[in-house]
Amino acid sequence: MNEDAGPIFRQIAVQLEDAIVDGSLAEESQAPSSNELAAFHRINPATAAKGLNQLVTDGVLYKRRGVGMFVATGAREQLLKRRRSEFAEQYLTPLLLEADKVGITVAEIAAMLRERGGQS
């Protein structure tokens, strides 16, 4: 785990979110248990459980009593929507504010992106 990346439980949650977004942890598949995560990362199982429970609170995972935690239907789309919004807030808003300050139009920004291979 990376000490600079925030609390360990949050890092666990983000890793699982990443796996859901990239498709390696499919919707309705079973998520790793807190004990599995704790053993893999060499952390306290309570810390791993806190990360999992955060995802339950967020509606990304759900519990099946006596079986474990599973990825909720629609979790990938929910995470993509949230991450796109965060991307816009973190990168686009400051970019557009600075572009406005220096007189760069949205069309010019689009041209700059195309020049750098951002056509996807």
C-alpha atoms as a PDB file:
ATOM      1  CA  MET A   1       0.000   0.000   0.000  1.00  0.00           C
ATOM      2  CA  ASN A   2       1.123   3.558  -0.651  1.00  0.00           C
ATOM      3  CA  GLU A   3       1.265   5.785   2.427  1.00  0.00           C
ATOM      4  CA  ASP A   4       0.920   8.902   0.237  1.00  0.00           C
ATOM      5  CA  ALA A   5      -2.370   7.690  -1.271  1.00  0.00           C
ATOM      6  CA  GLY A   6      -4.520   8.216   1.798  1.00  0.00           C
ATOM      7  CA  PRO A   7      -5.902   5.812   4.372  1.00  0.00           C
ATOM      8  CA  ILE A   8      -5.307   2.122   3.681  1.00  0.00           C
ATOM      9  CA  PHE A   9      -9.025   1.280   3.794  1.00  0.00           C
ATOM     10  CA  ARG A  10      -9.637   3.882   1.067  1.00  0.00           C
ATOM     11  CA  GLN A  11      -6.791   2.427  -1.030  1.00  0.00           C
ATOM     12  CA  ILE A  12      -8.450  -1.005  -0.749  1.00  0.00           C
ATOM     13  CA  ALA A  13     -11.757   0.494  -1.914  1.00  0.00           C
ATOM     14  CA  VAL A  14     -10.078   2.269  -4.847  1.00  0.00           C
ATOM     15  CA  GLN A  15      -8.297  -0.933  -5.926  1.00  0.00           C
ATOM     16  CA  LEU A  16     -11.594  -2.777  -5.994  1.00  0.00           C
ATOM     17  CA  GLU A  17     -13.246   0.110  -7.845  1.00  0.00           C
ATOM     18  CA  ASP A  18     -10.423  -0.018 -10.412  1.00  0.00           C
ATOM     19  CA  ALA A  19     -10.980  -3.770 -10.877  1.00  0.00           C
ATOM     20  CA  ILE A  20     -14.690  -3.159 -11.439  1.00  0.00           C
ATOM     21  CA  VAL A  21     -14.072  -0.314 -13.888  1.00  0.00           C
ATOM     22  CA  ASP A  22     -11.509  -2.297 -15.929  1.00  0.00           C
ATOM     23  CA  GLY A  23     -13.753  -5.370 -15.961  1.00  0.00           C
ATOM     24  CA  SER A  24     -11.456  -7.721 -14.045  1.00  0.00           C
ATOM     25  CA  LEU A  25     -14.099  -7.864 -11.287  1.00  0.00           C
ATOM     26  CA  ALA A  26     -17.395  -8.348 -13.110  1.00  0.00           C
ATOM     27  CA  GLU A  27     -20.824  -7.330 -11.894  1.00  0.00           C
ATOM     28  CA  GLU A  28     -22.479 -10.049  -9.785  1.00  0.00           C
ATOM     29  CA  SER A  29     -19.097 -11.728  -9.182  1.00  0.00           C
ATOM     30  CA  GLN A  30     -17.838 -12.298  -5.669  1.00  0.00           C
ATOM     31  CA  ALA A  31     -15.436  -9.701  -4.284  1.00  0.00           C
ATOM     32  CA  PRO A  32     -12.379 -10.793  -2.308  1.00  0.00           C
ATOM     33  CA  SER A  33     -13.084 -11.266   1.395  1.00  0.00           C
ATOM     34  CA  SER A  34     -11.626  -9.018   4.052  1.00  0.00           C
ATOM     35  CA  ASN A  35      -9.395 -11.917   5.144  1.00  0.00           C
ATOM     36  CA  GLU A  36      -8.131 -12.451   1.577  1.00  0.00           C
ATOM     37  CA  LEU A  37      -7.417  -8.745   1.171  1.00  0.00           C
ATOM     38  CA  ALA A  38      -5.750  -8.581   4.594  1.00  0.00           C
ATOM     39  CA  ALA A  39      -3.481 -11.535   3.822  1.00  0.00           C
ATOM     40  CA  PHE A  40      -2.575 -10.231   0.368  1.00  0.00           C
ATOM     41  CA  HIS A  41      -1.758  -6.704   1.562  1.00  0.00           C
ATOM     42  CA  ARG A  42      -0.494  -7.746   4.999  1.00  0.00           C
ATOM     43  CA  ILE A  43      -2.936  -5.485   6.801  1.00  0.00           C
ATOM     44  CA  ASN A  44      -5.449  -5.900   9.597  1.00  0.00           C
ATOM     45  CA  PRO A  45      -8.668  -7.634   8.437  1.00  0.00           C
ATOM     46  CA  ALA A  46     -10.684  -4.849  10.097  1.00  0.00           C
ATOM     47  CA  THR A  47      -8.968  -2.315   7.818  1.00  0.00           C
ATOM     48  CA  ALA A  48      -9.810  -4.389   4.736  1.00  0.00           C
ATOM     49  CA  ALA A  49     -13.386  -4.775   5.986  1.00  0.00           C
ATOM     50  CA  LYS A  50     -13.678  -1.014   6.344  1.00  0.00           C
ATOM     51  CA  GLY A  51     -12.749  -0.598   2.663  1.00  0.00           C
ATOM     52  CA  LEU A  52     -15.274  -3.234   1.625  1.00  0.00           C
ATOM     53  CA  ASN A  53     -17.984  -1.712   3.808  1.00  0.00           C
ATOM     54  CA  GLN A  54     -17.375   1.687   2.234  1.00  0.00           C
ATOM     55  CA  LEU A  55     -18.177   0.134  -1.145  1.00  0.00           C
ATOM     56  CA  VAL A  56     -21.339  -1.412   0.344  1.00  0.00           C
ATOM     57  CA  THR A  57     -22.359   2.017   1.631  1.00  0.00           C
ATOM     58  CA  ASP A  58     -21.683   3.463  -1.842  1.00  0.00           C
ATOM     59  CA  GLY A  59     -23.870   0.773  -3.470  1.00  0.00           C
ATOM     60  CA  VAL A  60     -20.971  -0.764  -5.394  1.00  0.00           C
ATOM     61  CA  LEU A  61     -20.955  -4.035  -3.417  1.00  0.00           C
ATOM     62  CA  TYR A  62     -23.727  -5.876  -1.614  1.00  0.00           C
ATOM     63  CA  LYS A  63     -23.631  -8.568   1.054  1.00  0.00           C
ATOM     64  CA  ARG A  64     -25.076 -12.043   0.751  1.00  0.00           C
ATOM     65  CA  ARG A  65     -25.458 -13.300   4.280  1.00  0.00           C
ATOM     66  CA  GLY A  66     -23.126 -16.206   4.983  1.00  0.00           C
ATOM     67  CA  VAL A  67     -21.648 -16.122   1.475  1.00  0.00           C
ATOM     68  CA  GLY A  68     -19.719 -12.870   1.056  1.00  0.00           C
ATOM     69  CA  MET A  69     -19.772  -9.625  -0.868  1.00  0.00           C
ATOM     70  CA  PHE A  70     -20.650  -9.271  -4.521  1.00  0.00           C
ATOM     71  CA  VAL A  71     -20.386  -6.555  -7.153  1.00  0.00           C
ATOM     72  CA  ALA A  72     -23.753  -4.872  -7.614  1.00  0.00           C
ATOM     73  CA  THR A  73     -25.471  -4.748 -10.972  1.00  0.00           C
ATOM     74  CA  GLY A  74     -24.796  -1.305 -12.449  1.00  0.00           C
ATOM     75  CA  ALA A  75     -21.709  -0.758 -10.279  1.00  0.00           C
ATOM     76  CA  ARG A  76     -19.365  -0.258 -13.247  1.00  0.00           C
ATOM     77  CA  GLU A  77     -21.584   2.382 -14.825  1.00  0.00           C
ATOM     78  CA  GLN A  78     -22.049   4.094 -11.452  1.00  0.00           C
ATOM     79  CA  LEU A  79     -18.269   4.236 -10.944  1.00  0.00           C
ATOM     80  CA  LEU A  80     -17.640   5.455 -14.497  1.00  0.00           C
ATOM     81  CA  LYS A  81     -20.229   8.212 -14.068  1.00  0.00           C
ATOM     82  CA  ARG A  82     -18.667   9.342 -10.783  1.00  0.00           C
ATOM     83  CA  ARG A  83     -15.130   9.200 -12.173  1.00  0.00           C
ATOM     84  CA  ARG A  84     -16.085  11.169 -15.279  1.00  0.00           C
ATOM     85  CA  SER A  85     -17.606  13.833 -13.085  1.00  0.00           C
ATOM     86  CA  GLU A  86     -14.498  13.894 -10.869  1.00  0.00           C
ATOM     87  CA  PHE A  87     -12.315  14.093 -13.999  1.00  0.00           C
ATOM     88  CA  ALA A  88     -14.212  17.107 -15.261  1.00  0.00           C
ATOM     89  CA  GLU A  89     -14.014  18.821 -11.875  1.00  0.00           C
ATOM     90  CA  GLN A  90     -10.345  18.055 -11.332  1.00  0.00           C
ATOM     91  CA  TYR A  91      -8.975  18.648 -14.831  1.00  0.00           C
ATOM     92  CA  LEU A  92     -11.428  20.361 -17.169  1.00  0.00           C
ATOM     93  CA  THR A  93     -12.714  23.109 -14.895  1.00  0.00           C
ATOM     94  CA  PRO A  94      -9.206  24.423 -14.073  1.00  0.00           C
ATOM     95  CA  LEU A  95      -8.150  24.004 -17.725  1.00  0.00           C
ATOM     96  CA  LEU A  96     -11.092  26.042 -18.984  1.00  0.00           C
ATOM     97  CA  LEU A  97     -10.582  28.735 -16.343  1.00  0.00           C
ATOM     98  CA  GLU A  98      -6.912  29.099 -17.269  1.00  0.00           C
ATOM     99  CA  ALA A  99      -7.688  28.999 -20.999  1.00  0.00           C
ATOM    100  CA  ASP A 100     -10.187  31.813 -20.519  1.00  0.00           C
ATOM    101  CA  LYS A 101      -7.572  33.866 -18.629  1.00  0.00           C
ATOM    102  CA  VAL A 102      -5.046  33.558 -21.459  1.00  0.00           C
ATOM    103  CA  GLY A 103      -7.545  33.880 -24.309  1.00  0.00           C
ATOM    104  CA  ILE A 104      -7.626  30.306 -25.608  1.00  0.00           C
ATOM    105  CA  THR A 105     -10.970  29.221 -27.062  1.00  0.00           C
ATOM    106  CA  VAL A 106     -12.583  25.830 -26.629  1.00  0.00           C
ATOM    107  CA  ALA A 107     -12.011  25.218 -30.353  1.00  0.00           C
ATOM    108  CA  GLU A 108      -8.305  25.912 -29.868  1.00  0.00           C
ATOM    109  CA  ILE A 109      -8.182  23.530 -26.920  1.00  0.00           C
ATOM    110  CA  ALA A 110      -9.848  20.848 -29.060  1.00  0.00           C
ATOM    111  CA  ALA A 111      -7.262  21.427 -31.804  1.00  0.00           C
ATOM    112  CA  MET A 112      -4.449  21.125 -29.249  1.00  0.00           C
ATOM    113  CA  LEU A 113      -5.888  17.816 -28.037  1.00  0.00           C
ATOM    114  CA  ARG A 114      -6.168  16.490 -31.594  1.00  0.00           C
ATOM    115  CA  GLU A 115      -2.537  17.460 -32.257  1.00  0.00           C
ATOM    116  CA  ARG A 116      -1.452  15.426 -29.249  1.00  0.00           C
ATOM    117  CA  GLY A 117      -3.414  12.333 -30.221  1.00  0.00           C
ATOM    118  CA  GLY A 118      -6.505  12.864 -28.081  1.00  0.00           C
ATOM    119  CA  GLN A 119      -8.942  11.939 -30.843  1.00  0.00           C
ATOM    120  CA  SER A 120     -10.295   8.752 -29.237  1.00  0.00           C
END
